[in-house]
N, C-alpha and C. Protein backbone atom coordinates (compact mmCIF):
# COMPACT_ATOMS: atom_id res chain seq x y z
N MET A 1 118.43 126.51 94.46
CA MET A 1 118.36 125.07 94.64
C MET A 1 117.89 124.41 93.34
N LEU A 2 118.60 123.36 92.94
CA LEU A 2 118.21 122.62 91.74
C LEU A 2 117.04 121.69 92.06
N THR A 3 116.11 121.56 91.11
CA THR A 3 115.01 120.60 91.24
C THR A 3 114.91 119.83 89.93
N MET A 4 113.97 118.91 89.87
CA MET A 4 113.78 118.13 88.64
C MET A 4 113.43 119.02 87.45
N LYS A 5 112.87 120.21 87.70
CA LYS A 5 112.55 121.13 86.61
C LYS A 5 113.81 121.61 85.90
N ASP A 6 114.95 121.57 86.60
CA ASP A 6 116.22 122.01 86.01
C ASP A 6 116.89 120.91 85.18
N VAL A 7 116.44 119.67 85.34
CA VAL A 7 117.06 118.53 84.66
C VAL A 7 116.43 118.35 83.28
N ILE A 8 117.27 118.44 82.24
CA ILE A 8 116.75 118.25 80.88
C ILE A 8 116.57 116.75 80.61
N ARG A 9 115.69 116.43 79.68
CA ARG A 9 115.36 115.02 79.42
C ARG A 9 115.88 114.57 78.07
N GLU A 10 115.91 113.23 77.90
CA GLU A 10 116.43 112.65 76.66
C GLU A 10 115.73 113.29 75.47
N GLY A 11 116.49 113.47 74.40
CA GLY A 11 115.98 114.17 73.22
C GLY A 11 116.51 115.60 73.16
N HIS A 12 116.89 116.16 74.32
CA HIS A 12 117.45 117.51 74.34
C HIS A 12 118.86 117.46 73.74
N PRO A 13 119.18 118.38 72.80
CA PRO A 13 120.47 118.29 72.10
C PRO A 13 121.70 118.39 73.01
N THR A 14 121.63 119.08 74.13
CA THR A 14 122.79 119.21 75.01
C THR A 14 123.27 117.86 75.51
N LEU A 15 122.36 116.90 75.67
CA LEU A 15 122.73 115.58 76.18
C LEU A 15 123.59 114.79 75.19
N ARG A 16 123.61 115.20 73.94
CA ARG A 16 124.39 114.48 72.93
C ARG A 16 125.67 115.23 72.51
N LYS A 17 125.95 116.35 73.16
CA LYS A 17 127.16 117.12 72.86
C LYS A 17 128.33 116.62 73.71
N THR A 18 129.54 116.83 73.21
CA THR A 18 130.73 116.63 74.03
C THR A 18 130.94 117.91 74.82
N ALA A 19 130.96 117.79 76.14
CA ALA A 19 131.06 118.97 77.00
C ALA A 19 132.47 119.58 76.93
N GLU A 20 132.54 120.88 77.15
CA GLU A 20 133.81 121.62 77.08
C GLU A 20 134.60 121.48 78.37
N GLU A 21 135.94 121.41 78.22
CA GLU A 21 136.84 121.44 79.39
C GLU A 21 136.60 122.74 80.16
N ILE A 22 136.85 122.68 81.44
CA ILE A 22 136.69 123.86 82.30
C ILE A 22 138.09 124.42 82.58
N GLU A 23 138.24 125.73 82.38
CA GLU A 23 139.54 126.37 82.62
C GLU A 23 139.75 126.60 84.11
N LEU A 24 141.01 126.47 84.51
CA LEU A 24 141.40 126.76 85.89
C LEU A 24 142.13 128.09 85.89
N PRO A 25 142.05 128.90 86.94
CA PRO A 25 141.27 128.64 88.15
C PRO A 25 139.77 128.70 87.88
N LEU A 26 139.03 128.00 88.72
CA LEU A 26 137.58 127.91 88.55
C LEU A 26 136.92 129.24 88.86
N ASP A 27 135.93 129.58 88.04
CA ASP A 27 135.17 130.79 88.36
C ASP A 27 134.05 130.44 89.34
N GLU A 28 133.47 131.47 89.92
CA GLU A 28 132.45 131.26 90.97
C GLU A 28 131.21 130.55 90.44
N ASP A 29 130.88 130.79 89.15
CA ASP A 29 129.68 130.13 88.59
C ASP A 29 129.85 128.61 88.57
N ILE A 30 131.03 128.14 88.20
CA ILE A 30 131.28 126.69 88.15
C ILE A 30 131.28 126.11 89.56
N LYS A 31 131.95 126.80 90.49
CA LYS A 31 131.97 126.33 91.89
C LYS A 31 130.55 126.23 92.44
N SER A 32 129.77 127.26 92.19
CA SER A 32 128.39 127.30 92.69
C SER A 32 127.55 126.19 92.05
N LEU A 33 127.72 125.98 90.74
CA LEU A 33 126.98 124.91 90.07
C LEU A 33 127.36 123.54 90.65
N GLY A 34 128.66 123.31 90.85
CA GLY A 34 129.10 122.04 91.43
C GLY A 34 128.51 121.81 92.81
N GLU A 35 128.50 122.85 93.64
CA GLU A 35 127.92 122.73 94.98
C GLU A 35 126.41 122.46 94.89
N ASP A 36 125.73 123.16 93.98
CA ASP A 36 124.28 122.96 93.80
C ASP A 36 123.97 121.54 93.33
N MET A 37 124.79 121.01 92.41
CA MET A 37 124.57 119.65 91.91
C MET A 37 124.73 118.62 93.03
N LEU A 38 125.76 118.79 93.85
CA LEU A 38 125.97 117.86 94.96
C LEU A 38 124.82 117.96 95.97
N GLN A 39 124.37 119.18 96.25
CA GLN A 39 123.26 119.36 97.19
C GLN A 39 121.98 118.74 96.64
N PHE A 40 121.77 118.86 95.33
CA PHE A 40 120.60 118.24 94.69
C PHE A 40 120.59 116.73 94.99
N LEU A 41 121.77 116.07 94.83
CA LEU A 41 121.85 114.62 95.07
C LEU A 41 121.54 114.30 96.53
N LYS A 42 122.11 115.07 97.44
CA LYS A 42 121.86 114.83 98.87
C LYS A 42 120.38 115.03 99.19
N ASN A 43 119.79 116.11 98.65
CA ASN A 43 118.36 116.36 98.87
C ASN A 43 117.51 115.23 98.29
N SER A 44 117.92 114.72 97.12
CA SER A 44 117.12 113.69 96.44
C SER A 44 117.13 112.37 97.23
N GLN A 45 118.14 112.19 98.08
CA GLN A 45 118.25 110.96 98.87
C GLN A 45 117.61 111.11 100.25
N ASP A 46 117.17 112.31 100.58
CA ASP A 46 116.48 112.56 101.84
C ASP A 46 114.98 112.41 101.59
N PRO A 47 114.35 111.38 102.17
CA PRO A 47 112.94 111.10 101.84
C PRO A 47 112.01 112.30 102.02
N GLU A 48 112.19 113.09 103.08
CA GLU A 48 111.31 114.24 103.31
C GLU A 48 111.51 115.33 102.26
N LEU A 49 112.78 115.67 102.00
CA LEU A 49 113.06 116.71 100.99
C LEU A 49 112.68 116.25 99.59
N ALA A 50 112.93 114.97 99.30
CA ALA A 50 112.59 114.43 97.98
C ALA A 50 111.09 114.54 97.73
N GLU A 51 110.32 114.23 98.76
CA GLU A 51 108.85 114.32 98.61
C GLU A 51 108.42 115.78 98.50
N LYS A 52 108.96 116.62 99.35
CA LYS A 52 108.57 118.03 99.38
C LYS A 52 108.85 118.71 98.04
N TYR A 53 110.00 118.43 97.44
CA TYR A 53 110.40 119.11 96.20
C TYR A 53 110.22 118.23 94.96
N GLU A 54 109.57 117.06 95.13
CA GLU A 54 109.31 116.13 94.03
C GLU A 54 110.60 115.77 93.28
N LEU A 55 111.60 115.32 94.03
CA LEU A 55 112.89 114.94 93.46
C LEU A 55 112.96 113.44 93.27
N ARG A 56 113.48 113.01 92.14
CA ARG A 56 113.78 111.58 91.95
C ARG A 56 115.12 111.32 92.59
N PRO A 57 115.25 110.21 93.32
CA PRO A 57 116.54 109.94 93.95
C PRO A 57 117.64 109.71 92.91
N GLY A 58 118.79 110.31 93.17
CA GLY A 58 119.93 110.14 92.26
C GLY A 58 121.22 110.02 93.04
N VAL A 59 122.19 109.35 92.43
CA VAL A 59 123.52 109.21 93.05
C VAL A 59 124.58 109.96 92.25
N GLY A 60 124.21 110.44 91.07
CA GLY A 60 125.16 111.20 90.25
C GLY A 60 124.42 112.11 89.30
N ILE A 61 125.06 113.22 88.96
CA ILE A 61 124.50 114.14 87.97
C ILE A 61 125.66 114.85 87.27
N ALA A 62 125.48 115.11 85.99
CA ALA A 62 126.50 115.79 85.19
C ALA A 62 125.95 117.14 84.75
N ALA A 63 126.85 118.12 84.61
CA ALA A 63 126.43 119.46 84.22
C ALA A 63 125.57 119.48 82.94
N PRO A 64 125.89 118.65 81.91
CA PRO A 64 125.01 118.67 80.73
C PRO A 64 123.54 118.34 81.06
N GLN A 65 123.30 117.62 82.15
CA GLN A 65 121.91 117.28 82.51
C GLN A 65 121.13 118.49 83.02
N VAL A 66 121.86 119.55 83.39
CA VAL A 66 121.19 120.80 83.75
C VAL A 66 121.47 121.86 82.68
N ASP A 67 121.70 121.37 81.45
CA ASP A 67 121.87 122.18 80.26
C ASP A 67 123.09 123.10 80.31
N VAL A 68 124.17 122.61 80.96
CA VAL A 68 125.44 123.32 80.98
C VAL A 68 126.48 122.36 80.40
N SER A 69 126.91 122.62 79.18
CA SER A 69 127.79 121.70 78.47
C SER A 69 129.26 121.91 78.88
N ARG A 70 129.55 121.60 80.14
CA ARG A 70 130.89 121.72 80.71
C ARG A 70 131.24 120.42 81.41
N ARG A 71 132.54 120.14 81.57
CA ARG A 71 133.01 118.85 82.12
C ARG A 71 133.01 118.90 83.65
N LEU A 72 131.83 118.75 84.22
CA LEU A 72 131.61 118.84 85.66
C LEU A 72 130.59 117.80 86.07
N ILE A 73 130.93 116.98 87.08
CA ILE A 73 129.98 115.99 87.59
C ILE A 73 129.96 116.06 89.12
N ALA A 74 128.86 115.61 89.68
CA ALA A 74 128.74 115.44 91.13
C ALA A 74 128.27 114.02 91.39
N VAL A 75 128.82 113.42 92.44
CA VAL A 75 128.48 112.04 92.80
C VAL A 75 128.27 111.99 94.31
N HIS A 76 127.19 111.35 94.73
CA HIS A 76 126.95 111.15 96.16
C HIS A 76 126.38 109.74 96.35
N VAL A 77 127.29 108.81 96.66
CA VAL A 77 126.90 107.41 96.87
C VAL A 77 126.93 107.16 98.37
N PRO A 78 125.75 106.94 98.98
CA PRO A 78 125.73 106.71 100.42
C PRO A 78 126.45 105.41 100.77
N SER A 79 126.87 105.29 102.02
CA SER A 79 127.53 104.06 102.43
C SER A 79 126.54 102.91 102.33
N ALA A 80 127.07 101.77 101.96
CA ALA A 80 126.23 100.57 101.80
C ALA A 80 125.93 99.98 103.18
N ASP A 81 125.22 98.88 103.20
CA ASP A 81 124.90 98.24 104.47
C ASP A 81 126.17 97.73 105.15
N GLU A 82 126.03 97.32 106.41
CA GLU A 82 127.18 96.90 107.20
C GLU A 82 127.96 95.76 106.56
N GLU A 83 127.27 94.85 105.89
CA GLU A 83 127.93 93.68 105.30
C GLU A 83 128.89 94.08 104.20
N ASP A 84 128.54 95.11 103.44
CA ASP A 84 129.30 95.49 102.26
C ASP A 84 130.56 96.30 102.60
N ASN A 85 130.47 97.12 103.63
CA ASN A 85 131.58 97.98 104.06
C ASN A 85 132.01 99.01 103.03
N THR A 86 131.18 99.29 102.03
CA THR A 86 131.53 100.33 101.06
C THR A 86 131.28 101.68 101.72
N PRO A 87 132.33 102.52 101.86
CA PRO A 87 132.12 103.81 102.51
C PRO A 87 131.37 104.77 101.60
N GLU A 88 130.81 105.81 102.20
CA GLU A 88 130.16 106.86 101.41
C GLU A 88 131.20 107.46 100.48
N PHE A 89 130.77 107.78 99.26
CA PHE A 89 131.65 108.47 98.32
C PHE A 89 130.90 109.69 97.81
N SER A 90 131.46 110.85 98.09
CA SER A 90 130.80 112.09 97.71
C SER A 90 131.85 113.04 97.14
N ALA A 91 131.64 113.53 95.92
CA ALA A 91 132.63 114.41 95.30
C ALA A 91 132.01 115.23 94.18
N VAL A 92 132.60 116.40 93.97
CA VAL A 92 132.35 117.18 92.77
C VAL A 92 133.65 117.09 91.97
N MET A 93 133.53 116.67 90.71
CA MET A 93 134.71 116.43 89.89
C MET A 93 134.71 117.36 88.68
N VAL A 94 135.79 118.14 88.56
CA VAL A 94 135.98 119.04 87.43
C VAL A 94 136.94 118.37 86.46
N ASN A 95 136.56 118.33 85.19
CA ASN A 95 137.39 117.71 84.14
C ASN A 95 137.84 116.29 84.51
N PRO A 96 136.91 115.42 84.94
CA PRO A 96 137.32 114.07 85.32
C PRO A 96 137.77 113.26 84.11
N LYS A 97 138.82 112.46 84.31
CA LYS A 97 139.33 111.58 83.24
C LYS A 97 139.63 110.23 83.84
N ILE A 98 139.15 109.18 83.18
CA ILE A 98 139.52 107.83 83.58
C ILE A 98 140.89 107.57 82.98
N ILE A 99 141.89 107.36 83.84
CA ILE A 99 143.25 107.18 83.32
C ILE A 99 143.66 105.72 83.27
N SER A 100 142.96 104.87 84.00
CA SER A 100 143.18 103.42 83.88
C SER A 100 141.93 102.70 84.35
N HIS A 101 141.79 101.46 83.88
CA HIS A 101 140.61 100.68 84.27
C HIS A 101 140.93 99.20 84.19
N SER A 102 140.12 98.43 84.89
CA SER A 102 140.29 96.97 84.88
C SER A 102 139.78 96.41 83.56
N VAL A 103 140.29 95.24 83.21
CA VAL A 103 139.76 94.50 82.07
C VAL A 103 138.40 93.93 82.48
N GLN A 104 138.31 93.47 83.74
CA GLN A 104 137.06 92.87 84.21
C GLN A 104 135.94 93.90 84.20
N GLN A 105 134.78 93.43 83.77
CA GLN A 105 133.62 94.30 83.72
C GLN A 105 132.62 93.92 84.80
N THR A 106 131.73 94.85 85.08
CA THR A 106 130.66 94.63 86.03
C THR A 106 129.41 95.32 85.50
N CYS A 107 128.28 95.02 86.12
CA CYS A 107 127.04 95.71 85.77
C CYS A 107 126.08 95.60 86.95
N LEU A 108 125.05 96.40 86.93
CA LEU A 108 124.02 96.34 87.96
C LEU A 108 123.00 95.27 87.57
N PRO A 109 122.50 94.50 88.55
CA PRO A 109 121.58 93.41 88.23
C PRO A 109 120.26 93.89 87.60
N ASP A 110 119.85 95.13 87.91
CA ASP A 110 118.58 95.64 87.39
C ASP A 110 118.77 96.72 86.33
N GLY A 111 119.96 96.79 85.75
CA GLY A 111 120.23 97.82 84.75
C GLY A 111 120.46 99.17 85.42
N GLU A 112 120.57 100.21 84.62
CA GLU A 112 120.81 101.56 85.13
C GLU A 112 119.61 102.45 84.85
N GLY A 113 119.53 103.52 85.62
CA GLY A 113 118.52 104.55 85.41
C GLY A 113 119.24 105.88 85.25
N CYS A 114 118.47 106.92 84.96
CA CYS A 114 119.07 108.22 84.72
C CYS A 114 118.03 109.29 85.01
N LEU A 115 118.47 110.37 85.66
CA LEU A 115 117.54 111.47 85.95
C LEU A 115 116.99 112.11 84.68
N SER A 116 117.70 111.96 83.57
CA SER A 116 117.25 112.55 82.30
C SER A 116 116.40 111.59 81.47
N VAL A 117 116.15 110.40 82.00
CA VAL A 117 115.37 109.40 81.26
C VAL A 117 114.15 109.02 82.11
N ASP A 118 112.97 109.36 81.60
CA ASP A 118 111.73 109.15 82.36
C ASP A 118 111.05 107.83 82.03
N ARG A 119 111.83 106.83 81.67
CA ARG A 119 111.24 105.54 81.33
C ARG A 119 112.19 104.43 81.75
N GLU A 120 111.64 103.24 81.90
CA GLU A 120 112.47 102.07 82.20
C GLU A 120 113.16 101.64 80.91
N VAL A 121 114.44 101.36 80.97
CA VAL A 121 115.16 100.84 79.82
C VAL A 121 115.82 99.53 80.26
N PRO A 122 115.19 98.39 79.93
CA PRO A 122 115.76 97.12 80.38
C PRO A 122 117.04 96.78 79.65
N GLY A 123 117.95 96.15 80.38
CA GLY A 123 119.19 95.70 79.76
C GLY A 123 120.39 95.93 80.66
N TYR A 124 121.38 95.09 80.47
CA TYR A 124 122.62 95.22 81.24
C TYR A 124 123.53 96.26 80.59
N VAL A 125 124.17 97.06 81.44
CA VAL A 125 125.07 98.11 80.98
C VAL A 125 126.48 97.74 81.46
N PRO A 126 127.30 97.15 80.59
CA PRO A 126 128.65 96.75 81.01
C PRO A 126 129.52 97.97 81.33
N ARG A 127 130.21 97.90 82.47
CA ARG A 127 131.12 98.96 82.90
C ARG A 127 132.40 98.31 83.41
N HIS A 128 133.47 99.10 83.53
CA HIS A 128 134.70 98.58 84.14
C HIS A 128 134.48 98.41 85.64
N LYS A 129 134.96 97.30 86.18
CA LYS A 129 134.78 97.02 87.61
C LYS A 129 135.60 97.97 88.48
N ARG A 130 136.80 98.32 88.00
CA ARG A 130 137.67 99.23 88.75
C ARG A 130 138.19 100.30 87.80
N ILE A 131 138.26 101.53 88.31
CA ILE A 131 138.78 102.64 87.52
C ILE A 131 139.68 103.52 88.40
N LYS A 132 140.58 104.23 87.75
CA LYS A 132 141.34 105.30 88.42
C LYS A 132 140.98 106.58 87.69
N VAL A 133 140.58 107.59 88.46
CA VAL A 133 140.11 108.85 87.88
C VAL A 133 140.96 110.00 88.39
N ASP A 134 141.41 110.84 87.47
CA ASP A 134 142.04 112.11 87.83
C ASP A 134 141.01 113.21 87.59
N TYR A 135 140.99 114.19 88.49
CA TYR A 135 140.06 115.30 88.37
C TYR A 135 140.55 116.46 89.24
N PHE A 136 139.89 117.59 89.13
CA PHE A 136 140.16 118.73 90.00
C PHE A 136 138.96 118.91 90.93
N ASP A 137 139.24 119.25 92.19
CA ASP A 137 138.14 119.53 93.11
C ASP A 137 137.73 121.00 92.96
N LEU A 138 136.74 121.43 93.75
CA LEU A 138 136.23 122.80 93.59
C LEU A 138 137.22 123.87 94.06
N ASP A 139 138.28 123.45 94.76
CA ASP A 139 139.33 124.39 95.15
C ASP A 139 140.43 124.45 94.09
N GLY A 140 140.27 123.67 93.01
CA GLY A 140 141.25 123.67 91.93
C GLY A 140 142.42 122.74 92.17
N ASN A 141 142.32 121.90 93.20
CA ASN A 141 143.40 120.95 93.49
C ASN A 141 143.22 119.68 92.68
N LYS A 142 144.34 119.18 92.13
CA LYS A 142 144.28 117.93 91.37
C LYS A 142 144.10 116.76 92.33
N GLN A 143 143.20 115.86 91.98
CA GLN A 143 142.92 114.68 92.79
C GLN A 143 143.04 113.44 91.92
N SER A 144 143.32 112.33 92.57
CA SER A 144 143.36 111.05 91.89
C SER A 144 142.72 110.03 92.83
N ILE A 145 141.81 109.22 92.31
CA ILE A 145 141.10 108.28 93.17
C ILE A 145 140.88 106.97 92.43
N ARG A 146 140.94 105.90 93.19
CA ARG A 146 140.62 104.57 92.65
C ARG A 146 139.23 104.20 93.17
N LEU A 147 138.38 103.75 92.25
CA LEU A 147 137.02 103.36 92.60
C LEU A 147 136.75 101.97 92.08
N ARG A 148 135.84 101.27 92.76
CA ARG A 148 135.45 99.95 92.29
C ARG A 148 133.95 99.77 92.50
N ASP A 149 133.40 98.82 91.78
CA ASP A 149 132.00 98.42 91.93
C ASP A 149 131.05 99.60 91.74
N PHE A 150 130.08 99.78 92.65
CA PHE A 150 129.02 100.76 92.42
C PHE A 150 129.54 102.19 92.23
N PRO A 151 130.42 102.71 93.10
CA PRO A 151 130.92 104.07 92.84
C PRO A 151 131.61 104.20 91.47
N ALA A 152 132.31 103.16 91.04
CA ALA A 152 132.96 103.19 89.72
C ALA A 152 131.91 103.24 88.61
N ILE A 153 130.83 102.49 88.77
CA ILE A 153 129.74 102.51 87.78
C ILE A 153 129.14 103.91 87.68
N VAL A 154 128.88 104.52 88.84
CA VAL A 154 128.26 105.85 88.86
C VAL A 154 129.14 106.87 88.15
N VAL A 155 130.44 106.88 88.46
CA VAL A 155 131.35 107.85 87.84
C VAL A 155 131.44 107.61 86.33
N GLN A 156 131.48 106.35 85.89
CA GLN A 156 131.52 106.07 84.45
C GLN A 156 130.25 106.56 83.76
N HIS A 157 129.09 106.37 84.41
CA HIS A 157 127.81 106.84 83.86
C HIS A 157 127.85 108.36 83.68
N GLU A 158 128.35 109.06 84.69
CA GLU A 158 128.38 110.53 84.62
C GLU A 158 129.40 111.03 83.60
N ILE A 159 130.57 110.40 83.53
CA ILE A 159 131.57 110.81 82.53
C ILE A 159 131.02 110.56 81.12
N ASP A 160 130.23 109.50 80.94
CA ASP A 160 129.57 109.29 79.65
C ASP A 160 128.74 110.51 79.26
N HIS A 161 128.02 111.10 80.24
CA HIS A 161 127.22 112.30 79.93
C HIS A 161 128.09 113.42 79.38
N LEU A 162 129.33 113.51 79.86
CA LEU A 162 130.22 114.58 79.38
C LEU A 162 130.64 114.34 77.93
N ASN A 163 130.47 113.11 77.48
CA ASN A 163 130.85 112.74 76.11
C ASN A 163 129.65 112.50 75.21
N GLY A 164 128.46 112.92 75.66
CA GLY A 164 127.26 112.80 74.85
C GLY A 164 126.73 111.38 74.74
N ILE A 165 127.11 110.52 75.70
CA ILE A 165 126.70 109.11 75.67
C ILE A 165 125.65 108.87 76.74
N MET A 166 124.55 108.23 76.36
CA MET A 166 123.50 107.85 77.31
C MET A 166 123.74 106.39 77.71
N PHE A 167 123.32 106.02 78.91
CA PHE A 167 123.59 104.66 79.39
C PHE A 167 123.05 103.59 78.46
N TYR A 168 121.91 103.85 77.84
CA TYR A 168 121.31 102.81 76.99
C TYR A 168 122.06 102.62 75.68
N ASP A 169 122.98 103.55 75.36
CA ASP A 169 123.83 103.35 74.18
C ASP A 169 124.75 102.14 74.40
N ARG A 170 124.99 101.77 75.65
CA ARG A 170 125.91 100.68 75.98
C ARG A 170 125.19 99.33 76.13
N ILE A 171 123.87 99.32 76.03
CA ILE A 171 123.11 98.07 76.12
C ILE A 171 123.13 97.38 74.77
N ASP A 172 123.31 96.08 74.77
CA ASP A 172 123.29 95.28 73.54
C ASP A 172 121.88 95.35 72.95
N SER A 173 121.75 96.06 71.83
CA SER A 173 120.41 96.27 71.26
C SER A 173 119.80 94.97 70.72
N GLU A 174 120.65 94.04 70.31
CA GLU A 174 120.16 92.76 69.79
C GLU A 174 119.59 91.88 70.90
N ASN A 175 120.27 91.92 72.06
CA ASN A 175 119.88 91.06 73.18
C ASN A 175 120.21 91.78 74.49
N PRO A 176 119.33 92.71 74.92
CA PRO A 176 119.64 93.56 76.07
C PRO A 176 119.85 92.80 77.38
N LEU A 177 119.28 91.60 77.50
CA LEU A 177 119.41 90.86 78.75
C LEU A 177 120.45 89.75 78.66
N ALA A 178 121.27 89.78 77.61
CA ALA A 178 122.37 88.82 77.51
C ALA A 178 123.56 89.39 78.27
N LEU A 179 124.13 88.57 79.14
CA LEU A 179 125.30 89.01 79.89
C LEU A 179 126.56 88.72 79.09
N PRO A 180 127.42 89.73 78.95
CA PRO A 180 128.71 89.46 78.29
C PRO A 180 129.50 88.41 79.10
N ASP A 181 130.39 87.71 78.43
CA ASP A 181 131.22 86.71 79.12
C ASP A 181 132.07 87.38 80.19
N ASP A 182 132.31 86.64 81.26
CA ASP A 182 133.20 87.09 82.34
C ASP A 182 132.82 88.43 82.95
N ILE A 183 131.53 88.72 83.04
CA ILE A 183 131.10 89.96 83.69
C ILE A 183 130.65 89.63 85.11
N ASP A 184 130.97 90.52 86.03
CA ASP A 184 130.58 90.38 87.42
C ASP A 184 129.31 91.19 87.64
N VAL A 185 128.19 90.51 87.90
CA VAL A 185 126.94 91.24 88.17
C VAL A 185 126.99 91.68 89.63
N LEU A 186 126.99 92.97 89.86
CA LEU A 186 127.15 93.52 91.19
C LEU A 186 126.04 93.03 92.13
N GLY A 187 126.45 92.60 93.33
CA GLY A 187 125.47 92.21 94.33
C GLY A 187 124.99 90.78 94.23
N THR A 188 125.51 90.00 93.28
CA THR A 188 125.12 88.60 93.20
C THR A 188 126.26 87.75 93.73
N VAL A 189 125.91 86.65 94.31
CA VAL A 189 126.91 85.75 94.87
C VAL A 189 126.99 84.52 93.98
N GLU A 190 128.20 84.22 93.55
CA GLU A 190 128.36 83.01 92.73
C GLU A 190 128.37 81.79 93.63
N GLU A 191 127.73 80.71 93.17
CA GLU A 191 127.66 79.48 93.93
C GLU A 191 128.97 78.75 93.88
């Protein structure tokens, strides 16, 4: 079982490397790691297990964050409240690639966090509002999915980890709380 002790923190060189493609068919080590990463996210969102194992809640994790420089991510976004109607999105993605994206950008109103960053980093992180991602599942089947809003933000954050990019690299260093033009701040209602 993965715990926070397995998660490397900012400053570790693996977080700045470009992760290697994974060859198909998948070997058992990669399948097992993908399953463990997804289970870590589910455990981290369970209040009792999170407290018992001292887990920080997370919705996504990339293999480089557990010091494995391979193109593998896990995402577990619980369903939103009834008003939002966003269904749960849960997947392990091997060699994920964003093949198209919207021009429109979005961001989270309170910025982003990261399991590998033990500090608050204020600032807006612009992301594409909608993306289409191709990837392989743990059975080696090619998948294609369209995501929008929060699940799209999570997948973009994790794919950044595969490319050695930290979320705060995308914050405007001159003015972190300046919103880019025409950006949709997720969860806010325009008057």
